[in-house]
Amino acid sequence: LQYYHHAGEKEYQCEVGLLSRNILIEGNDRSEPTDISPLECDSTVNGWTKMPCPDTFLTGLGGHTIVVGQAQGRFRGVEFHRMGMTNVLGRYPVHFHHQAVAAGQVSEVVDCAVRRSYFRAI
């Protein structure tokens, strides 16, 4: 990067980095939110300038991957785009659900990028 980028006042922060990967898992064009609710409002909490708007429901309905029970999920070099379902618990771009760890089993997310997530990341 030519300049240092840091957003220290937002509730959700991240550093700027390379987001392209060799494998792409993405929701389709209909995943994009269709409502016109604002994404953020002025904060009423001391120390924050902006926050998610109360009583709003964004309609982002992207895809999701889920690894359940004794299954193993190994994601390396994957880009997740237009993933997650807004405000639907358990519908994240990558979701490890009730993982039962057995001897020698490994689940991992390594060198991956989540872009345009509608609900959390992992």
PDB file of N, CA and C in Angstrom:
ATOM      1  N   LEU A   1       0.824  -1.180   0.000  1.00  0.00           N
ATOM      2  CA  LEU A   1       0.000   0.000   0.000  1.00  0.00           C
ATOM      3  C   LEU A   1       0.872   1.248   0.000  1.00  0.00           C
ATOM      4  N   GLN A   2       0.424   2.246  -0.694  1.00  0.00           N
ATOM      5  CA  GLN A   2       1.173   3.487  -0.737  1.00  0.00           C
ATOM      6  C   GLN A   2       0.939   4.319   0.535  1.00  0.00           C
ATOM      7  N   TYR A   3      -0.288   4.263   1.096  1.00  0.00           N
ATOM      8  CA  TYR A   3      -0.627   5.020   2.286  1.00  0.00           C
ATOM      9  C   TYR A   3      -1.171   4.077   3.343  1.00  0.00           C
ATOM     10  N   TYR A   4      -0.970   4.422   4.595  1.00  0.00           N
ATOM     11  CA  TYR A   4      -1.504   3.628   5.697  1.00  0.00           C
ATOM     12  C   TYR A   4      -3.004   3.885   5.812  1.00  0.00           C
ATOM     13  N   HIS A   5      -3.815   2.825   5.847  1.00  0.00           N
ATOM     14  CA  HIS A   5      -5.274   2.940   5.946  1.00  0.00           C
ATOM     15  C   HIS A   5      -5.724   2.303   7.251  1.00  0.00           C
ATOM     16  N   HIS A   6      -6.383   3.083   8.099  1.00  0.00           N
ATOM     17  CA  HIS A   6      -6.892   2.537   9.352  1.00  0.00           C
ATOM     18  C   HIS A   6      -8.155   3.298   9.737  1.00  0.00           C
ATOM     19  N   ALA A   7      -9.225   2.555  10.000  1.00  0.00           N
ATOM     20  CA  ALA A   7     -10.497   3.180  10.388  1.00  0.00           C
ATOM     21  C   ALA A   7     -10.725   2.909  11.866  1.00  0.00           C
ATOM     22  N   GLY A   8     -10.207   3.760  12.720  1.00  0.00           N
ATOM     23  CA  GLY A   8     -10.258   3.512  14.147  1.00  0.00           C
ATOM     24  C   GLY A   8     -11.550   3.912  14.830  1.00  0.00           C
ATOM     25  N   GLU A   9     -12.507   4.540  14.122  1.00  0.00           N
ATOM     26  CA  GLU A   9     -13.723   4.997  14.780  1.00  0.00           C
ATOM     27  C   GLU A   9     -14.930   4.125  14.490  1.00  0.00           C
ATOM     28  N   LYS A  10     -14.836   3.155  13.638  1.00  0.00           N
ATOM     29  CA  LYS A  10     -15.979   2.326  13.268  1.00  0.00           C
ATOM     30  C   LYS A  10     -16.083   1.108  14.174  1.00  0.00           C
ATOM     31  N   GLU A  11     -17.293   0.616  14.337  1.00  0.00           N
ATOM     32  CA  GLU A  11     -17.485  -0.575  15.156  1.00  0.00           C
ATOM     33  C   GLU A  11     -16.855  -1.793  14.475  1.00  0.00           C
ATOM     34  N   TYR A  12     -16.996  -1.887  13.168  1.00  0.00           N
ATOM     35  CA  TYR A  12     -16.406  -2.985  12.410  1.00  0.00           C
ATOM     36  C   TYR A  12     -15.185  -2.432  11.693  1.00  0.00           C
ATOM     37  N   GLN A  13     -14.009  -2.875  12.083  1.00  0.00           N
ATOM     38  CA  GLN A  13     -12.778  -2.346  11.541  1.00  0.00           C
ATOM     39  C   GLN A  13     -12.042  -3.425  10.757  1.00  0.00           C
ATOM     40  N   CYS A  14     -11.240  -3.001   9.814  1.00  0.00           N
ATOM     41  CA  CYS A  14     -10.376  -3.942   9.112  1.00  0.00           C
ATOM     42  C   CYS A  14      -9.230  -3.168   8.474  1.00  0.00           C
ATOM     43  N   GLU A  15      -8.188  -3.871   8.194  1.00  0.00           N
ATOM     44  CA  GLU A  15      -7.077  -3.295   7.458  1.00  0.00           C
ATOM     45  C   GLU A  15      -7.306  -3.566   5.975  1.00  0.00           C
ATOM     46  N   VAL A  16      -6.766  -2.722   5.130  1.00  0.00           N
ATOM     47  CA  VAL A  16      -6.888  -2.908   3.690  1.00  0.00           C
ATOM     48  C   VAL A  16      -5.864  -3.938   3.247  1.00  0.00           C
ATOM     49  N   GLY A  17      -6.272  -4.897   2.431  1.00  0.00           N
ATOM     50  CA  GLY A  17      -5.353  -5.927   1.966  1.00  0.00           C
ATOM     51  C   GLY A  17      -5.809  -6.524   0.650  1.00  0.00           C
ATOM     52  N   LEU A  18      -5.033  -7.436   0.122  1.00  0.00           N
ATOM     53  CA  LEU A  18      -5.355  -8.129  -1.119  1.00  0.00           C
ATOM     54  C   LEU A  18      -6.527  -9.072  -0.879  1.00  0.00           C
ATOM     55  N   LEU A  19      -7.612  -8.922  -1.627  1.00  0.00           N
ATOM     56  CA  LEU A  19      -8.805  -9.735  -1.414  1.00  0.00           C
ATOM     57  C   LEU A  19      -9.041 -10.781  -2.496  1.00  0.00           C
ATOM     58  N   SER A  20      -8.301 -10.752  -3.595  1.00  0.00           N
ATOM     59  CA  SER A  20      -8.530 -11.736  -4.649  1.00  0.00           C
ATOM     60  C   SER A  20      -7.874 -13.061  -4.279  1.00  0.00           C
ATOM     61  N   ARG A  21      -8.533 -14.163  -4.620  1.00  0.00           N
ATOM     62  CA  ARG A  21      -8.053 -15.506  -4.304  1.00  0.00           C
ATOM     63  C   ARG A  21      -8.252 -16.408  -5.511  1.00  0.00           C
ATOM     64  N   ASN A  22      -7.683 -17.617  -5.463  1.00  0.00           N
ATOM     65  CA  ASN A  22      -7.761 -18.555  -6.576  1.00  0.00           C
ATOM     66  C   ASN A  22      -9.127 -19.217  -6.715  1.00  0.00           C
ATOM     67  N   ILE A  23      -9.834 -19.406  -5.625  1.00  0.00           N
ATOM     68  CA  ILE A  23     -11.134 -20.072  -5.630  1.00  0.00           C
ATOM     69  C   ILE A  23     -12.179 -19.053  -5.193  1.00  0.00           C
ATOM     70  N   LEU A  24     -13.292 -18.979  -5.928  1.00  0.00           N
ATOM     71  CA  LEU A  24     -14.344 -18.019  -5.623  1.00  0.00           C
ATOM     72  C   LEU A  24     -15.650 -18.754  -5.325  1.00  0.00           C
ATOM     73  N   ILE A  25     -16.212 -18.502  -4.147  1.00  0.00           N
ATOM     74  CA  ILE A  25     -17.543 -18.988  -3.797  1.00  0.00           C
ATOM     75  C   ILE A  25     -18.374 -17.742  -3.590  1.00  0.00           C
ATOM     76  N   GLU A  26     -19.484 -17.607  -4.344  1.00  0.00           N
ATOM     77  CA  GLU A  26     -20.234 -16.363  -4.260  1.00  0.00           C
ATOM     78  C   GLU A  26     -21.729 -16.575  -4.405  1.00  0.00           C
ATOM     79  N   GLY A  27     -22.475 -15.650  -3.797  1.00  0.00           N
ATOM     80  CA  GLY A  27     -23.910 -15.593  -4.002  1.00  0.00           C
ATOM     81  C   GLY A  27     -24.176 -14.984  -5.372  1.00  0.00           C
ATOM     82  N   ASN A  28     -25.390 -15.162  -5.873  1.00  0.00           N
ATOM     83  CA  ASN A  28     -25.698 -14.627  -7.206  1.00  0.00           C
ATOM     84  C   ASN A  28     -26.054 -13.140  -7.142  1.00  0.00           C
ATOM     85  N   ASP A  29     -26.401 -12.544  -8.287  1.00  0.00           N
ATOM     86  CA  ASP A  29     -26.702 -11.114  -8.354  1.00  0.00           C
ATOM     87  C   ASP A  29     -27.923 -10.736  -7.518  1.00  0.00           C
ATOM     88  N   ARG A  30     -28.815 -11.672  -7.256  1.00  0.00           N
ATOM     89  CA  ARG A  30     -30.011 -11.390  -6.464  1.00  0.00           C
ATOM     90  C   ARG A  30     -29.707 -11.360  -4.964  1.00  0.00           C
ATOM     91  N   SER A  31     -28.458 -11.591  -4.578  1.00  0.00           N
ATOM     92  CA  SER A  31     -28.050 -11.555  -3.176  1.00  0.00           C
ATOM     93  C   SER A  31     -27.998 -10.143  -2.614  1.00  0.00           C
ATOM     94  N   GLU A  32     -27.823  -9.157  -3.468  1.00  0.00           N
ATOM     95  CA  GLU A  32     -27.662  -7.771  -3.026  1.00  0.00           C
ATOM     96  C   GLU A  32     -28.892  -7.283  -2.271  1.00  0.00           C
ATOM     97  N   PRO A  33     -28.703  -6.478  -1.217  1.00  0.00           N
ATOM     98  CA  PRO A  33     -29.841  -5.920  -0.480  1.00  0.00           C
ATOM     99  C   PRO A  33     -30.724  -5.064  -1.385  1.00  0.00           C
ATOM    100  N   THR A  34     -32.039  -5.146  -1.166  1.00  0.00           N
ATOM    101  CA  THR A  34     -32.982  -4.393  -1.996  1.00  0.00           C
ATOM    102  C   THR A  34     -33.671  -3.275  -1.235  1.00  0.00           C
ATOM    103  N   ASP A  35     -33.545  -3.235   0.093  1.00  0.00           N
ATOM    104  CA  ASP A  35     -34.207  -2.159   0.833  1.00  0.00           C
ATOM    105  C   ASP A  35     -33.377  -0.888   0.768  1.00  0.00           C
ATOM    106  N   ILE A  36     -33.971   0.197   1.197  1.00  0.00           N
ATOM    107  CA  ILE A  36     -33.283   1.493   1.112  1.00  0.00           C
ATOM    108  C   ILE A  36     -32.929   2.027   2.494  1.00  0.00           C
ATOM    109  N   SER A  37     -32.967   1.163   3.519  1.00  0.00           N
ATOM    110  CA  SER A  37     -32.604   1.577   4.873  1.00  0.00           C
ATOM    111  C   SER A  37     -31.133   1.986   4.910  1.00  0.00           C
ATOM    112  N   PRO A  38     -30.799   3.023   5.667  1.00  0.00           N
ATOM    113  CA  PRO A  38     -29.386   3.396   5.761  1.00  0.00           C
ATOM    114  C   PRO A  38     -28.587   2.329   6.503  1.00  0.00           C
ATOM    115  N   LEU A  39     -27.355   2.152   6.118  1.00  0.00           N
ATOM    116  CA  LEU A  39     -26.494   1.147   6.731  1.00  0.00           C
ATOM    117  C   LEU A  39     -26.032   1.565   8.113  1.00  0.00           C
ATOM    118  N   GLU A  40     -25.778   2.867   8.296  1.00  0.00           N
ATOM    119  CA  GLU A  40     -25.313   3.323   9.596  1.00  0.00           C
ATOM    120  C   GLU A  40     -25.950   4.663   9.958  1.00  0.00           C
ATOM    121  N   CYS A  41     -26.083   4.870  11.267  1.00  0.00           N
ATOM    122  CA  CYS A  41     -26.670   6.102  11.803  1.00  0.00           C
ATOM    123  C   CYS A  41     -25.683   6.725  12.787  1.00  0.00           C
ATOM    124  N   ASP A  42     -25.954   7.973  13.178  1.00  0.00           N
ATOM    125  CA  ASP A  42     -25.132   8.605  14.200  1.00  0.00           C
ATOM    126  C   ASP A  42     -25.259   7.814  15.500  1.00  0.00           C
ATOM    127  N   SER A  43     -24.159   7.652  16.189  1.00  0.00           N
ATOM    128  CA  SER A  43     -24.130   6.844  17.407  1.00  0.00           C
ATOM    129  C   SER A  43     -24.639   7.616  18.615  1.00  0.00           C
ATOM    130  N   THR A  44     -25.328   6.892  19.485  1.00  0.00           N
ATOM    131  CA  THR A  44     -25.741   7.453  20.771  1.00  0.00           C
ATOM    132  C   THR A  44     -24.845   6.924  21.887  1.00  0.00           C
ATOM    133  N   VAL A  45     -23.860   6.107  21.523  1.00  0.00           N
ATOM    134  CA  VAL A  45     -22.945   5.496  22.477  1.00  0.00           C
ATOM    135  C   VAL A  45     -21.663   6.315  22.545  1.00  0.00           C
ATOM    136  N   ASN A  46     -21.233   6.645  23.734  1.00  0.00           N
ATOM    137  CA  ASN A  46     -20.028   7.426  23.922  1.00  0.00           C
ATOM    138  C   ASN A  46     -18.824   6.687  23.337  1.00  0.00           C
ATOM    139  N   GLY A  47     -18.037   7.356  22.509  1.00  0.00           N
ATOM    140  CA  GLY A  47     -16.839   6.769  21.929  1.00  0.00           C
ATOM    141  C   GLY A  47     -17.018   6.297  20.496  1.00  0.00           C
ATOM    142  N   TRP A  48     -18.242   6.213  20.005  1.00  0.00           N
ATOM    143  CA  TRP A  48     -18.503   5.781  18.634  1.00  0.00           C
ATOM    144  C   TRP A  48     -19.145   6.935  17.875  1.00  0.00           C
ATOM    145  N   THR A  49     -18.760   7.116  16.620  1.00  0.00           N
ATOM    146  CA  THR A  49     -19.370   8.168  15.815  1.00  0.00           C
ATOM    147  C   THR A  49     -20.540   7.634  15.001  1.00  0.00           C
ATOM    148  N   LYS A  50     -20.469   6.380  14.578  1.00  0.00           N
ATOM    149  CA  LYS A  50     -21.532   5.746  13.797  1.00  0.00           C
ATOM    150  C   LYS A  50     -21.832   4.369  14.381  1.00  0.00           C
ATOM    151  N   MET A  51     -23.022   3.863  14.096  1.00  0.00           N
ATOM    152  CA  MET A  51     -23.413   2.531  14.544  1.00  0.00           C
ATOM    153  C   MET A  51     -24.506   2.018  13.610  1.00  0.00           C
ATOM    154  N   PRO A  52     -24.781   0.697  13.607  1.00  0.00           N
ATOM    155  CA  PRO A  52     -25.888   0.193  12.798  1.00  0.00           C
ATOM    156  C   PRO A  52     -27.198   0.857  13.231  1.00  0.00           C
ATOM    157  N   CYS A  53     -28.048   1.191  12.284  1.00  0.00           N
ATOM    158  CA  CYS A  53     -29.307   1.867  12.597  1.00  0.00           C
ATOM    159  C   CYS A  53     -30.254   0.925  13.336  1.00  0.00           C
ATOM    160  N   PRO A  54     -30.921   1.402  14.397  1.00  0.00           N
ATOM    161  CA  PRO A  54     -31.876   0.560  15.114  1.00  0.00           C
ATOM    162  C   PRO A  54     -33.137   0.335  14.278  1.00  0.00           C
ATOM    163  N   ASP A  55     -33.779  -0.783  14.512  1.00  0.00           N
ATOM    164  CA  ASP A  55     -35.059  -1.114  13.865  1.00  0.00           C
ATOM    165  C   ASP A  55     -34.968  -1.127  12.342  1.00  0.00           C
ATOM    166  N   THR A  56     -33.830  -1.537  11.809  1.00  0.00           N
ATOM    167  CA  THR A  56     -33.714  -1.700  10.361  1.00  0.00           C
ATOM    168  C   THR A  56     -33.348  -3.140  10.071  1.00  0.00           C
ATOM    169  N   PHE A  57     -33.730  -3.616   8.931  1.00  0.00           N
ATOM    170  CA  PHE A  57     -33.450  -4.989   8.527  1.00  0.00           C
ATOM    171  C   PHE A  57     -32.996  -4.962   7.083  1.00  0.00           C
ATOM    172  N   LEU A  58     -31.718  -5.125   6.867  1.00  0.00           N
ATOM    173  CA  LEU A  58     -31.210  -5.158   5.498  1.00  0.00           C
ATOM    174  C   LEU A  58     -31.549  -6.507   4.882  1.00  0.00           C
ATOM    175  N   THR A  59     -31.814  -6.516   3.603  1.00  0.00           N
ATOM    176  CA  THR A  59     -32.326  -7.712   2.951  1.00  0.00           C
ATOM    177  C   THR A  59     -31.270  -8.522   2.226  1.00  0.00           C
ATOM    178  N   GLY A  60     -29.999  -8.382   2.575  1.00  0.00           N
ATOM    179  CA  GLY A  60     -28.948  -9.168   1.933  1.00  0.00           C
ATOM    180  C   GLY A  60     -29.158 -10.651   2.188  1.00  0.00           C
ATOM    181  N   LEU A  61     -29.218 -11.430   1.130  1.00  0.00           N
ATOM    182  CA  LEU A  61     -29.511 -12.851   1.245  1.00  0.00           C
ATOM    183  C   LEU A  61     -28.521 -13.624   0.388  1.00  0.00           C
ATOM    184  N   GLY A  62     -27.254 -13.639   0.818  1.00  0.00           N
ATOM    185  CA  GLY A  62     -26.206 -14.305   0.060  1.00  0.00           C
ATOM    186  C   GLY A  62     -26.130 -15.785   0.373  1.00  0.00           C
ATOM    187  N   GLY A  63     -25.146 -16.432  -0.206  1.00  0.00           N
ATOM    188  CA  GLY A  63     -24.939 -17.857   0.030  1.00  0.00           C
ATOM    189  C   GLY A  63     -24.244 -18.093   1.359  1.00  0.00           C
ATOM    190  N   HIS A  64     -24.115 -19.353   1.735  1.00  0.00           N
ATOM    191  CA  HIS A  64     -23.359 -19.691   2.938  1.00  0.00           C
ATOM    192  C   HIS A  64     -22.806 -21.099   2.810  1.00  0.00           C
ATOM    193  N   THR A  65     -21.692 -21.336   3.462  1.00  0.00           N
ATOM    194  CA  THR A  65     -21.126 -22.680   3.537  1.00  0.00           C
ATOM    195  C   THR A  65     -21.233 -23.126   4.983  1.00  0.00           C
ATOM    196  N   ILE A  66     -21.511 -24.409   5.185  1.00  0.00           N
ATOM    197  CA  ILE A  66     -21.670 -24.909   6.542  1.00  0.00           C
ATOM    198  C   ILE A  66     -20.995 -26.273   6.656  1.00  0.00           C
ATOM    199  N   VAL A  67     -20.252 -26.457   7.734  1.00  0.00           N
ATOM    200  CA  VAL A  67     -19.592 -27.721   8.055  1.00  0.00           C
ATOM    201  C   VAL A  67     -20.213 -28.194   9.364  1.00  0.00           C
ATOM    202  N   VAL A  68     -20.809 -29.395   9.361  1.00  0.00           N
ATOM    203  CA  VAL A  68     -21.613 -29.850  10.498  1.00  0.00           C
ATOM    204  C   VAL A  68     -21.039 -31.101  11.135  1.00  0.00           C
ATOM    205  N   GLY A  69     -21.108 -31.156  12.448  1.00  0.00           N
ATOM    206  CA  GLY A  69     -20.795 -32.374  13.207  1.00  0.00           C
ATOM    207  C   GLY A  69     -19.356 -32.829  13.067  1.00  0.00           C
ATOM    208  N   GLN A  70     -19.164 -34.082  12.658  1.00  0.00           N
ATOM    209  CA  GLN A  70     -17.828 -34.663  12.565  1.00  0.00           C
ATOM    210  C   GLN A  70     -17.157 -34.409  11.218  1.00  0.00           C
ATOM    211  N   ALA A  71     -17.797 -33.646  10.352  1.00  0.00           N
ATOM    212  CA  ALA A  71     -17.190 -33.329   9.055  1.00  0.00           C
ATOM    213  C   ALA A  71     -15.983 -32.417   9.251  1.00  0.00           C
ATOM    214  N   GLN A  72     -15.075 -32.450   8.290  1.00  0.00           N
ATOM    215  CA  GLN A  72     -13.917 -31.562   8.314  1.00  0.00           C
ATOM    216  C   GLN A  72     -14.093 -30.497   7.236  1.00  0.00           C
ATOM    217  N   GLY A  73     -13.795 -29.264   7.566  1.00  0.00           N
ATOM    218  CA  GLY A  73     -13.846 -28.186   6.589  1.00  0.00           C
ATOM    219  C   GLY A  73     -12.506 -27.501   6.514  1.00  0.00           C
ATOM    220  N   ARG A  74     -11.866 -27.593   5.377  1.00  0.00           N
ATOM    221  CA  ARG A  74     -10.563 -26.943   5.191  1.00  0.00           C
ATOM    222  C   ARG A  74     -10.662 -25.985   4.013  1.00  0.00           C
ATOM    223  N   PHE A  75     -10.583 -24.715   4.311  1.00  0.00           N
ATOM    224  CA  PHE A  75     -10.683 -23.681   3.297  1.00  0.00           C
ATOM    225  C   PHE A  75      -9.339 -22.962   3.214  1.00  0.00           C
ATOM    226  N   ARG A  76      -8.714 -23.018   2.046  1.00  0.00           N
ATOM    227  CA  ARG A  76      -7.424 -22.353   1.832  1.00  0.00           C
ATOM    228  C   ARG A  76      -7.473 -21.585   0.520  1.00  0.00           C
ATOM    229  N   GLY A  77      -7.131 -20.315   0.596  1.00  0.00           N
ATOM    230  CA  GLY A  77      -7.076 -19.493  -0.611  1.00  0.00           C
ATOM    231  C   GLY A  77      -8.431 -19.312  -1.273  1.00  0.00           C
ATOM    232  N   VAL A  78      -9.488 -19.192  -0.477  1.00  0.00           N
ATOM    233  CA  VAL A  78     -10.847 -19.058  -1.009  1.00  0.00           C
ATOM    234  C   VAL A  78     -11.333 -17.627  -0.810  1.00  0.00           C
ATOM    235  N   GLU A  79     -11.996 -17.093  -1.811  1.00  0.00           N
ATOM    236  CA  GLU A  79     -12.651 -15.790  -1.699  1.00  0.00           C
ATOM    237  C   GLU A  79     -14.150 -16.038  -1.590  1.00  0.00           C
ATOM    238  N   PHE A  80     -14.760 -15.501  -0.547  1.00  0.00           N
ATOM    239  CA  PHE A  80     -16.195 -15.601  -0.341  1.00  0.00           C
ATOM    240  C   PHE A  80     -16.793 -14.236  -0.664  1.00  0.00           C
ATOM    241  N   HIS A  81     -17.672 -14.169  -1.666  1.00  0.00           N
ATOM    242  CA  HIS A  81     -18.225 -12.896  -2.129  1.00  0.00           C
ATOM    243  C   HIS A  81     -19.759 -12.971  -2.120  1.00  0.00           C
ATOM    244  N   ARG A  82     -20.391 -11.913  -1.633  1.00  0.00           N
ATOM    245  CA  ARG A  82     -21.857 -11.860  -1.510  1.00  0.00           C
ATOM    246  C   ARG A  82     -22.369 -13.071  -0.742  1.00  0.00           C
ATOM    247  N   MET A  83     -21.852 -13.234   0.460  1.00  0.00           N
ATOM    248  CA  MET A  83     -22.203 -14.386   1.284  1.00  0.00           C
ATOM    249  C   MET A  83     -22.822 -13.928   2.599  1.00  0.00           C
ATOM    250  N   GLY A  84     -23.508 -14.850   3.273  1.00  0.00           N
ATOM    251  CA  GLY A  84     -24.161 -14.579   4.549  1.00  0.00           C
ATOM    252  C   GLY A  84     -25.568 -14.059   4.339  1.00  0.00           C
ATOM    253  N   MET A  85     -26.415 -14.306   5.308  1.00  0.00           N
ATOM    254  CA  MET A  85     -27.807 -13.852   5.241  1.00  0.00           C
ATOM    255  C   MET A  85     -28.048 -12.880   6.384  1.00  0.00           C
ATOM    256  N   THR A  86     -28.415 -11.655   6.060  1.00  0.00           N
ATOM    257  CA  THR A  86     -28.531 -10.590   7.042  1.00  0.00           C
ATOM    258  C   THR A  86     -29.468 -10.968   8.187  1.00  0.00           C
ATOM    259  N   ASN A  87     -28.936 -10.880   9.406  1.00  0.00           N
ATOM    260  CA  ASN A  87     -29.683 -11.108  10.636  1.00  0.00           C
ATOM    261  C   ASN A  87     -30.319 -12.493  10.733  1.00  0.00           C
ATOM    262  N   VAL A  88     -29.764 -13.477  10.032  1.00  0.00           N
ATOM    263  CA  VAL A  88     -30.224 -14.858  10.178  1.00  0.00           C
ATOM    264  C   VAL A  88     -29.114 -15.609  10.897  1.00  0.00           C
ATOM    265  N   LEU A  89     -29.370 -15.970  12.152  1.00  0.00           N
ATOM    266  CA  LEU A  89     -28.368 -16.622  12.981  1.00  0.00           C
ATOM    267  C   LEU A  89     -27.895 -17.921  12.325  1.00  0.00           C
ATOM    268  N   GLY A  90     -26.582 -18.110  12.257  1.00  0.00           N
ATOM    269  CA  GLY A  90     -26.013 -19.327  11.700  1.00  0.00           C
ATOM    270  C   GLY A  90     -25.831 -19.320  10.195  1.00  0.00           C
ATOM    271  N   ARG A  91     -26.162 -18.247   9.530  1.00  0.00           N
ATOM    272  CA  ARG A  91     -25.999 -18.172   8.079  1.00  0.00           C
ATOM    273  C   ARG A  91     -24.913 -17.158   7.747  1.00  0.00           C
ATOM    274  N   TYR A  92     -23.671 -17.615   7.995  1.00  0.00           N
ATOM    275  CA  TYR A  92     -22.489 -16.785   7.779  1.00  0.00           C
ATOM    276  C   TYR A  92     -21.803 -17.268   6.503  1.00  0.00           C
ATOM    277  N   PRO A  93     -20.878 -16.489   5.958  1.00  0.00           N
ATOM    278  CA  PRO A  93     -20.129 -16.979   4.800  1.00  0.00           C
ATOM    279  C   PRO A  93     -19.494 -18.350   5.062  1.00  0.00           C
ATOM    280  N   VAL A  94     -18.882 -18.540   6.233  1.00  0.00           N
ATOM    281  CA  VAL A  94     -18.325 -19.842   6.623  1.00  0.00           C
ATOM    282  C   VAL A  94     -18.844 -20.142   8.021  1.00  0.00           C
ATOM    283  N   HIS A  95     -19.485 -21.283   8.190  1.00  0.00           N
ATOM    284  CA  HIS A  95     -20.094 -21.632   9.469  1.00  0.00           C
ATOM    285  C   HIS A  95     -19.695 -23.046   9.867  1.00  0.00           C
ATOM    286  N   PHE A  96     -19.008 -23.164  10.993  1.00  0.00           N
ATOM    287  CA  PHE A  96     -18.688 -24.464  11.578  1.00  0.00           C
ATOM    288  C   PHE A  96     -19.732 -24.713  12.658  1.00  0.00           C
ATOM    289  N   HIS A  97     -20.644 -25.667  12.428  1.00  0.00           N
ATOM    290  CA  HIS A  97     -21.782 -25.886  13.313  1.00  0.00           C
ATOM    291  C   HIS A  97     -21.598 -27.147  14.140  1.00  0.00           C
ATOM    292  N   HIS A  98     -21.556 -26.984  15.467  1.00  0.00           N
ATOM    293  CA  HIS A  98     -21.418 -28.114  16.397  1.00  0.00           C
ATOM    294  C   HIS A  98     -20.317 -29.078  15.960  1.00  0.00           C
ATOM    295  N   GLN A  99     -19.137 -28.534  15.777  1.00  0.00           N
ATOM    296  CA  GLN A  99     -18.006 -29.353  15.352  1.00  0.00           C
ATOM    297  C   GLN A  99     -17.588 -30.304  16.456  1.00  0.00           C
ATOM    298  N   ALA A 100     -17.587 -31.597  16.150  1.00  0.00           N
ATOM    299  CA  ALA A 100     -17.116 -32.628  17.076  1.00  0.00           C
ATOM    300  C   ALA A 100     -15.687 -32.963  16.664  1.00  0.00           C
ATOM    301  N   VAL A 101     -14.739 -32.513  17.447  1.00  0.00           N
ATOM    302  CA  VAL A 101     -13.334 -32.710  17.107  1.00  0.00           C
ATOM    303  C   VAL A 101     -12.902 -34.108  17.523  1.00  0.00           C
ATOM    304  N   ALA A 102     -12.485 -34.897  16.543  1.00  0.00           N
ATOM    305  CA  ALA A 102     -11.966 -36.238  16.809  1.00  0.00           C
ATOM    306  C   ALA A 102     -10.459 -36.222  16.592  1.00  0.00           C
ATOM    307  N   ALA A 103      -9.785 -37.237  17.076  1.00  0.00           N
ATOM    308  CA  ALA A 103      -8.324 -37.315  16.952  1.00  0.00           C
ATOM    309  C   ALA A 103      -7.917 -37.239  15.483  1.00  0.00           C
ATOM    310  N   GLY A 104      -7.019 -36.330  15.186  1.00  0.00           N
ATOM    311  CA  GLY A 104      -6.489 -36.211  13.830  1.00  0.00           C
ATOM    312  C   GLY A 104      -7.337 -35.374  12.889  1.00  0.00           C
ATOM    313  N   GLN A 105      -8.503 -34.919  13.317  1.00  0.00           N
ATOM    314  CA  GLN A 105      -9.343 -34.111  12.439  1.00  0.00           C
ATOM    315  C   GLN A 105      -9.041 -32.630  12.641  1.00  0.00           C
ATOM    316  N   VAL A 106      -9.000 -31.911  11.547  1.00  0.00           N
ATOM    317  CA  VAL A 106      -8.705 -30.483  11.594  1.00  0.00           C
ATOM    318  C   VAL A 106      -9.664 -29.746  10.669  1.00  0.00           C
ATOM    319  N   SER A 107     -10.276 -28.692  11.159  1.00  0.00           N
ATOM    320  CA  SER A 107     -11.040 -27.767  10.327  1.00  0.00           C
ATOM    321  C   SER A 107     -10.341 -26.423  10.408  1.00  0.00           C
ATOM    322  N   GLU A 108     -10.250 -25.736   9.270  1.00  0.00           N
ATOM    323  CA  GLU A 108      -9.494 -24.491   9.266  1.00  0.00           C
ATOM    324  C   GLU A 108      -9.919 -23.567   8.136  1.00  0.00           C
ATOM    325  N   VAL A 109      -9.657 -22.293   8.334  1.00  0.00           N
ATOM    326  CA  VAL A 109      -9.825 -21.268   7.315  1.00  0.00           C
ATOM    327  C   VAL A 109      -8.486 -20.542   7.247  1.00  0.00           C
ATOM    328  N   VAL A 110      -7.763 -20.711   6.136  1.00  0.00           N
ATOM    329  CA  VAL A 110      -6.413 -20.174   6.000  1.00  0.00           C
ATOM    330  C   VAL A 110      -6.307 -19.371   4.705  1.00  0.00           C
ATOM    331  N   ASP A 111      -5.757 -18.181   4.783  1.00  0.00           N
ATOM    332  CA  ASP A 111      -5.485 -17.343   3.614  1.00  0.00           C
ATOM    333  C   ASP A 111      -6.741 -17.118   2.769  1.00  0.00           C
ATOM    334  N   CYS A 112      -7.859 -16.859   3.426  1.00  0.00           N
ATOM    335  CA  CYS A 112      -9.130 -16.633   2.734  1.00  0.00           C
ATOM    336  C   CYS A 112      -9.533 -15.162   2.861  1.00  0.00           C
ATOM    337  N   ALA A 113     -10.459 -14.742   2.014  1.00  0.00           N
ATOM    338  CA  ALA A 113     -10.974 -13.376   2.063  1.00  0.00           C
ATOM    339  C   ALA A 113     -12.496 -13.423   2.005  1.00  0.00           C
ATOM    340  N   VAL A 114     -13.140 -12.578   2.809  1.00  0.00           N
ATOM    341  CA  VAL A 114     -14.593 -12.434   2.781  1.00  0.00           C
ATOM    342  C   VAL A 114     -14.885 -11.025   2.297  1.00  0.00           C
ATOM    343  N   ARG A 115     -15.588 -10.939   1.192  1.00  0.00           N
ATOM    344  CA  ARG A 115     -15.906  -9.649   0.579  1.00  0.00           C
ATOM    345  C   ARG A 115     -17.409  -9.531   0.420  1.00  0.00           C
ATOM    346  N   ARG A 116     -17.972  -8.419   0.825  1.00  0.00           N
ATOM    347  CA  ARG A 116     -19.417  -8.155   0.719  1.00  0.00           C
ATOM    348  C   ARG A 116     -20.223  -9.187   1.509  1.00  0.00           C
ATOM    349  N   SER A 117     -19.883  -9.303   2.789  1.00  0.00           N
ATOM    350  CA  SER A 117     -20.610 -10.216   3.677  1.00  0.00           C
ATOM    351  C   SER A 117     -21.843  -9.500   4.212  1.00  0.00           C
ATOM    352  N   TYR A 118     -22.960 -10.213   4.270  1.00  0.00           N
ATOM    353  CA  TYR A 118     -24.191  -9.614   4.776  1.00  0.00           C
ATOM    354  C   TYR A 118     -24.434  -9.953   6.247  1.00  0.00           C
ATOM    355  N   PHE A 119     -23.624 -10.838   6.826  1.00  0.00           N
ATOM    356  CA  PHE A 119     -23.774 -11.152   8.246  1.00  0.00           C
ATOM    357  C   PHE A 119     -22.506 -11.828   8.737  1.00  0.00           C
ATOM    358  N   ARG A 120     -21.691 -11.079   9.457  1.00  0.00           N
ATOM    359  CA  ARG A 120     -20.456 -11.575  10.053  1.00  0.00           C
ATOM    360  C   ARG A 120     -19.533 -12.161   8.987  1.00  0.00           C
ATOM    361  N   ALA A 121     -18.623 -13.038   9.411  1.00  0.00           N
ATOM    362  CA  ALA A 121     -17.689 -13.647   8.458  1.00  0.00           C
ATOM    363  C   ALA A 121     -17.579 -15.136   8.705  1.00  0.00           C
ATOM    364  N   ILE A 122     -17.092 -15.523   9.879  1.00  0.00           N
ATOM    365  CA  ILE A 122     -16.888 -16.949  10.157  1.00  0.00           C
ATOM    366  C   ILE A 122     -17.572 -17.289  11.460  1.00  0.00           C
TER     367      ILE A 122
END
